[in-house]
PDB file of N, CA and C in Angstrom:
ATOM      1  N   MET A   1      45.445  21.065 -57.901  1.00  0.00           N
ATOM      2  CA  MET A   1      45.713  20.510 -59.225  1.00  0.00           C
ATOM      3  C   MET A   1      47.124  20.893 -59.662  1.00  0.00           C
ATOM      4  N   TYR A   2      47.688  20.051 -60.482  1.00  0.00           N
ATOM      5  CA  TYR A   2      49.069  20.200 -60.921  1.00  0.00           C
ATOM      6  C   TYR A   2      49.096  20.078 -62.446  1.00  0.00           C
ATOM      7  N   GLU A   3      49.629  21.069 -63.158  1.00  0.00           N
ATOM      8  CA  GLU A   3      49.733  20.989 -64.614  1.00  0.00           C
ATOM      9  C   GLU A   3      51.078  20.394 -64.995  1.00  0.00           C
ATOM     10  N   HIS A   4      51.042  19.389 -65.869  1.00  0.00           N
ATOM     11  CA  HIS A   4      52.267  18.706 -66.299  1.00  0.00           C
ATOM     12  C   HIS A   4      52.297  18.675 -67.828  1.00  0.00           C
ATOM     13  N   PHE A   5      53.446  18.965 -68.420  1.00  0.00           N
ATOM     14  CA  PHE A   5      53.638  18.924 -69.864  1.00  0.00           C
ATOM     15  C   PHE A   5      54.433  17.681 -70.236  1.00  0.00           C
ATOM     16  N   PHE A   6      54.020  17.017 -71.331  1.00  0.00           N
ATOM     17  CA  PHE A   6      54.714  15.812 -71.789  1.00  0.00           C
ATOM     18  C   PHE A   6      54.439  15.607 -73.269  1.00  0.00           C
ATOM     19  N   GLN A   7      55.158  14.661 -73.897  1.00  0.00           N
ATOM     20  CA  GLN A   7      54.958  14.349 -75.309  1.00  0.00           C
ATOM     21  C   GLN A   7      54.027  13.163 -75.476  1.00  0.00           C
ATOM     22  N   CYS A   8      53.123  13.294 -76.432  1.00  0.00           N
ATOM     23  CA  CYS A   8      52.217  12.192 -76.771  1.00  0.00           C
ATOM     24  C   CYS A   8      53.048  11.054 -77.376  1.00  0.00           C
ATOM     25  N   PRO A   9      52.816   9.800 -76.955  1.00  0.00           N
ATOM     26  CA  PRO A   9      53.576   8.669 -77.511  1.00  0.00           C
ATOM     27  C   PRO A   9      53.167   8.304 -78.946  1.00  0.00           C
ATOM     28  N   TYR A  10      52.112   8.929 -79.468  1.00  0.00           N
ATOM     29  CA  TYR A  10      51.674   8.661 -80.841  1.00  0.00           C
ATOM     30  C   TYR A  10      52.160   9.741 -81.809  1.00  0.00           C
ATOM     31  N   CYS A  11      51.801  11.000 -81.533  1.00  0.00           N
ATOM     32  CA  CYS A  11      52.080  12.085 -82.480  1.00  0.00           C
ATOM     33  C   CYS A  11      53.267  12.947 -82.065  1.00  0.00           C
ATOM     34  N   TRP A  12      53.811  12.731 -80.872  1.00  0.00           N
ATOM     35  CA  TRP A  12      54.990  13.414 -80.334  1.00  0.00           C
ATOM     36  C   TRP A  12      54.778  14.903 -80.085  1.00  0.00           C
ATOM     37  N   GLU A  13      53.539  15.371 -80.139  1.00  0.00           N
ATOM     38  CA  GLU A  13      53.244  16.764 -79.801  1.00  0.00           C
ATOM     39  C   GLU A  13      53.330  16.952 -78.289  1.00  0.00           C
ATOM     40  N   GLU A  14      53.787  18.126 -77.861  1.00  0.00           N
ATOM     41  CA  GLU A  14      53.797  18.429 -76.435  1.00  0.00           C
ATOM     42  C   GLU A  14      52.390  18.846 -76.023  1.00  0.00           C
ATOM     43  N   ILE A  15      51.867  18.195 -75.009  1.00  0.00           N
ATOM     44  CA  ILE A  15      50.538  18.504 -74.500  1.00  0.00           C
ATOM     45  C   ILE A  15      50.626  18.663 -72.986  1.00  0.00           C
ATOM     46  N   SER A  16      49.589  19.236 -72.410  1.00  0.00           N
ATOM     47  CA  SER A  16      49.562  19.397 -70.960  1.00  0.00           C
ATOM     48  C   SER A  16      48.366  18.654 -70.391  1.00  0.00           C
ATOM     49  N   ILE A  17      48.482  18.324 -69.130  1.00  0.00           N
ATOM     50  CA  ILE A  17      47.409  17.618 -68.444  1.00  0.00           C
ATOM     51  C   ILE A  17      47.333  18.152 -67.018  1.00  0.00           C
ATOM     52  N   LEU A  18      46.121  18.225 -66.487  1.00  0.00           N
ATOM     53  CA  LEU A  18      45.941  18.600 -65.091  1.00  0.00           C
ATOM     54  C   LEU A  18      45.847  17.328 -64.262  1.00  0.00           C
ATOM     55  N   LEU A  19      46.689  17.225 -63.248  1.00  0.00           N
ATOM     56  CA  LEU A  19      46.745  16.044 -62.394  1.00  0.00           C
ATOM     57  C   LEU A  19      46.282  16.397 -60.987  1.00  0.00           C
ATOM     58  N   ASP A  20      45.610  15.467 -60.336  1.00  0.00           N
ATOM     59  CA  ASP A  20      45.158  15.653 -58.957  1.00  0.00           C
ATOM     60  C   ASP A  20      46.274  15.217 -58.011  1.00  0.00           C
ATOM     61  N   SER A  21      46.965  16.177 -57.411  1.00  0.00           N
ATOM     62  CA  SER A  21      48.106  15.869 -56.562  1.00  0.00           C
ATOM     63  C   SER A  21      47.715  15.343 -55.179  1.00  0.00           C
ATOM     64  N   SER A  22      46.418  15.315 -54.877  1.00  0.00           N
ATOM     65  CA  SER A  22      45.979  14.791 -53.579  1.00  0.00           C
ATOM     66  C   SER A  22      45.930  13.265 -53.556  1.00  0.00           C
ATOM     67  N   ILE A  23      46.045  12.626 -54.736  1.00  0.00           N
ATOM     68  CA  ILE A  23      46.062  11.166 -54.848  1.00  0.00           C
ATOM     69  C   ILE A  23      47.497  10.747 -55.156  1.00  0.00           C
ATOM     70  N   SER A  24      48.120   9.978 -54.256  1.00  0.00           N
ATOM     71  CA  SER A  24      49.550   9.696 -54.389  1.00  0.00           C
ATOM     72  C   SER A  24      49.904   8.829 -55.588  1.00  0.00           C
ATOM     73  N   SER A  25      49.078   7.859 -55.931  1.00  0.00           N
ATOM     74  CA  SER A  25      49.369   6.978 -57.063  1.00  0.00           C
ATOM     75  C   SER A  25      48.075   6.679 -57.801  1.00  0.00           C
ATOM     76  N   GLN A  26      48.099   6.848 -59.110  1.00  0.00           N
ATOM     77  CA  GLN A  26      46.896   6.628 -59.908  1.00  0.00           C
ATOM     78  C   GLN A  26      47.287   6.212 -61.317  1.00  0.00           C
ATOM     79  N   THR A  27      46.399   5.523 -61.998  1.00  0.00           N
ATOM     80  CA  THR A  27      46.574   5.146 -63.396  1.00  0.00           C
ATOM     81  C   THR A  27      45.234   5.304 -64.091  1.00  0.00           C
ATOM     82  N   TYR A  28      45.244   5.936 -65.243  1.00  0.00           N
ATOM     83  CA  TYR A  28      44.009   6.107 -65.993  1.00  0.00           C
ATOM     84  C   TYR A  28      44.317   6.301 -67.471  1.00  0.00           C
ATOM     85  N   VAL A  29      43.274   6.247 -68.290  1.00  0.00           N
ATOM     86  CA  VAL A  29      43.397   6.408 -69.738  1.00  0.00           C
ATOM     87  C   VAL A  29      42.809   7.759 -70.118  1.00  0.00           C
ATOM     88  N   GLU A  30      43.548   8.492 -70.943  1.00  0.00           N
ATOM     89  CA  GLU A  30      43.069   9.769 -71.447  1.00  0.00           C
ATOM     90  C   GLU A  30      43.483   9.895 -72.911  1.00  0.00           C
ATOM     91  N   ASP A  31      42.625  10.513 -73.719  1.00  0.00           N
ATOM     92  CA  ASP A  31      42.930  10.707 -75.130  1.00  0.00           C
ATOM     93  C   ASP A  31      43.818  11.922 -75.325  1.00  0.00           C
ATOM     94  N   CYS A  32      44.749  11.833 -76.285  1.00  0.00           N
ATOM     95  CA  CYS A  32      45.592  12.966 -76.650  1.00  0.00           C
ATOM     96  C   CYS A  32      44.702  14.068 -77.206  1.00  0.00           C
ATOM     97  N   GLU A  33      44.939  15.303 -76.786  1.00  0.00           N
ATOM     98  CA  GLU A  33      44.117  16.419 -77.261  1.00  0.00           C
ATOM     99  C   GLU A  33      44.450  16.820 -78.693  1.00  0.00           C
ATOM    100  N   VAL A  34      45.552  16.296 -79.258  1.00  0.00           N
ATOM    101  CA  VAL A  34      45.936  16.610 -80.631  1.00  0.00           C
ATOM    102  C   VAL A  34      45.482  15.511 -81.596  1.00  0.00           C
ATOM    103  N   CYS A  35      45.885  14.261 -81.334  1.00  0.00           N
ATOM    104  CA  CYS A  35      45.597  13.168 -82.277  1.00  0.00           C
ATOM    105  C   CYS A  35      44.472  12.233 -81.826  1.00  0.00           C
ATOM    106  N   CYS A  36      43.977  12.410 -80.615  1.00  0.00           N
ATOM    107  CA  CYS A  36      42.832  11.664 -80.062  1.00  0.00           C
ATOM    108  C   CYS A  36      43.102  10.189 -79.764  1.00  0.00           C
ATOM    109  N   ASN A  37      44.357   9.756 -79.796  1.00  0.00           N
ATOM    110  CA  ASN A  37      44.673   8.372 -79.445  1.00  0.00           C
ATOM    111  C   ASN A  37      44.725   8.210 -77.925  1.00  0.00           C
ATOM    112  N   PRO A  38      44.342   7.026 -77.420  1.00  0.00           N
ATOM    113  CA  PRO A  38      44.315   6.807 -75.967  1.00  0.00           C
ATOM    114  C   PRO A  38      45.707   6.554 -75.387  1.00  0.00           C
ATOM    115  N   MET A  39      45.960   7.158 -74.228  1.00  0.00           N
ATOM    116  CA  MET A  39      47.239   7.010 -73.538  1.00  0.00           C
ATOM    117  C   MET A  39      46.981   6.489 -72.128  1.00  0.00           C
ATOM    118  N   ASP A  40      47.836   5.598 -71.667  1.00  0.00           N
ATOM    119  CA  ASP A  40      47.808   5.106 -70.296  1.00  0.00           C
ATOM    120  C   ASP A  40      48.726   6.015 -69.480  1.00  0.00           C
ATOM    121  N   ILE A  41      48.161   6.756 -68.522  1.00  0.00           N
ATOM    122  CA  ILE A  41      48.906   7.761 -67.764  1.00  0.00           C
ATOM    123  C   ILE A  41      49.018   7.326 -66.306  1.00  0.00           C
ATOM    124  N   THR A  42      50.250   7.354 -65.770  1.00  0.00           N
ATOM    125  CA  THR A  42      50.503   6.965 -64.386  1.00  0.00           C
ATOM    126  C   THR A  42      51.375   8.013 -63.698  1.00  0.00           C
ATOM    127  N   PRO A  43      50.750   8.970 -62.980  1.00  0.00           N
ATOM    128  CA  PRO A  43      51.531   9.916 -62.179  1.00  0.00           C
ATOM    129  C   PRO A  43      51.665   9.414 -60.744  1.00  0.00           C
ATOM    130  N   GLN A  44      52.743   9.815 -60.073  1.00  0.00           N
ATOM    131  CA  GLN A  44      52.938   9.492 -58.662  1.00  0.00           C
ATOM    132  C   GLN A  44      53.344  10.764 -57.928  1.00  0.00           C
ATOM    133  N   PHE A  45      52.693  10.999 -56.793  1.00  0.00           N
ATOM    134  CA  PHE A  45      52.952  12.185 -55.986  1.00  0.00           C
ATOM    135  C   PHE A  45      53.420  11.786 -54.594  1.00  0.00           C
ATOM    136  N   ASN A  46      54.254  12.642 -54.002  1.00  0.00           N
ATOM    137  CA  ASN A  46      54.683  12.500 -52.619  1.00  0.00           C
ATOM    138  C   ASN A  46      54.594  13.888 -51.996  1.00  0.00           C
ATOM    139  N   ASP A  47      53.745  14.061 -50.996  1.00  0.00           N
ATOM    140  CA  ASP A  47      53.526  15.363 -50.366  1.00  0.00           C
ATOM    141  C   ASP A  47      53.173  16.434 -51.399  1.00  0.00           C
ATOM    142  N   ASN A  48      52.266  16.103 -52.317  1.00  0.00           N
ATOM    143  CA  ASN A  48      51.789  16.998 -53.380  1.00  0.00           C
ATOM    144  C   ASN A  48      52.864  17.389 -54.389  1.00  0.00           C
ATOM    145  N   ASN A  49      53.999  16.701 -54.410  1.00  0.00           N
ATOM    146  CA  ASN A  49      55.051  16.930 -55.398  1.00  0.00           C
ATOM    147  C   ASN A  49      55.086  15.754 -56.370  1.00  0.00           C
ATOM    148  N   LEU A  50      55.136  16.043 -57.661  1.00  0.00           N
ATOM    149  CA  LEU A  50      55.213  14.997 -58.673  1.00  0.00           C
ATOM    150  C   LEU A  50      56.586  14.337 -58.613  1.00  0.00           C
ATOM    151  N   VAL A  51      56.618  13.035 -58.302  1.00  0.00           N
ATOM    152  CA  VAL A  51      57.879  12.312 -58.183  1.00  0.00           C
ATOM    153  C   VAL A  51      58.054  11.264 -59.283  1.00  0.00           C
ATOM    154  N   GLY A  52      57.003  10.991 -60.035  1.00  0.00           N
ATOM    155  CA  GLY A  52      57.067  10.046 -61.127  1.00  0.00           C
ATOM    156  C   GLY A  52      55.952  10.273 -62.119  1.00  0.00           C
ATOM    157  N   PHE A  53      56.244  10.075 -63.408  1.00  0.00           N
ATOM    158  CA  PHE A  53      55.220  10.237 -64.442  1.00  0.00           C
ATOM    159  C   PHE A  53      55.567   9.323 -65.591  1.00  0.00           C
ATOM    160  N   GLU A  54      54.604   8.493 -65.985  1.00  0.00           N
ATOM    161  CA  GLU A  54      54.798   7.584 -67.107  1.00  0.00           C
ATOM    162  C   GLU A  54      53.578   7.660 -68.012  1.00  0.00           C
ATOM    163  N   VAL A  55      53.839   7.712 -69.302  1.00  0.00           N
ATOM    164  CA  VAL A  55      52.748   7.690 -70.279  1.00  0.00           C
ATOM    165  C   VAL A  55      53.092   6.638 -71.333  1.00  0.00           C
ATOM    166  N   LYS A  56      52.115   5.792 -71.668  1.00  0.00           N
ATOM    167  CA  LYS A  56      52.309   4.722 -72.632  1.00  0.00           C
ATOM    168  C   LYS A  56      51.192   4.752 -73.656  1.00  0.00           C
ATOM    169  N   SER A  57      51.496   4.316 -74.857  1.00  0.00           N
ATOM    170  CA  SER A  57      50.462   4.142 -75.872  1.00  0.00           C
ATOM    171  C   SER A  57      49.711   2.849 -75.572  1.00  0.00           C
ATOM    172  N   LEU A  58      48.455   2.791 -75.974  1.00  0.00           N
ATOM    173  CA  LEU A  58      47.646   1.585 -75.824  1.00  0.00           C
ATOM    174  C   LEU A  58      47.553   0.896 -77.159  1.00  0.00           C
ATOM    175  N   GLU A  59      47.742  -0.404 -77.164  1.00  0.00           N
ATOM    176  CA  GLU A  59      47.628  -1.161 -78.425  1.00  0.00           C
ATOM    177  C   GLU A  59      46.170  -1.254 -78.803  1.00  0.00           C
ATOM    178  N   GLN A  60      45.902  -1.069 -80.058  1.00  0.00           N
ATOM    179  CA  GLN A  60      44.510  -1.102 -80.510  1.00  0.00           C
ATOM    180  C   GLN A  60      44.200  -2.377 -81.232  1.00  0.00           C
TER     181      GLN A  60
END
């Protein structure tokens, strides 16, 4: 597992997330632990190293 820190696209608070580095490319939705709004999260790994990370707000 890989811990990554980033800013929520809604409330701008810094939060952390645990990512599974054994999966090279993935996309999923997770709620912000501060404001509870849903975020679209897309991490990319190469040889268990984080090489890309994108987080977007979801339109409601």
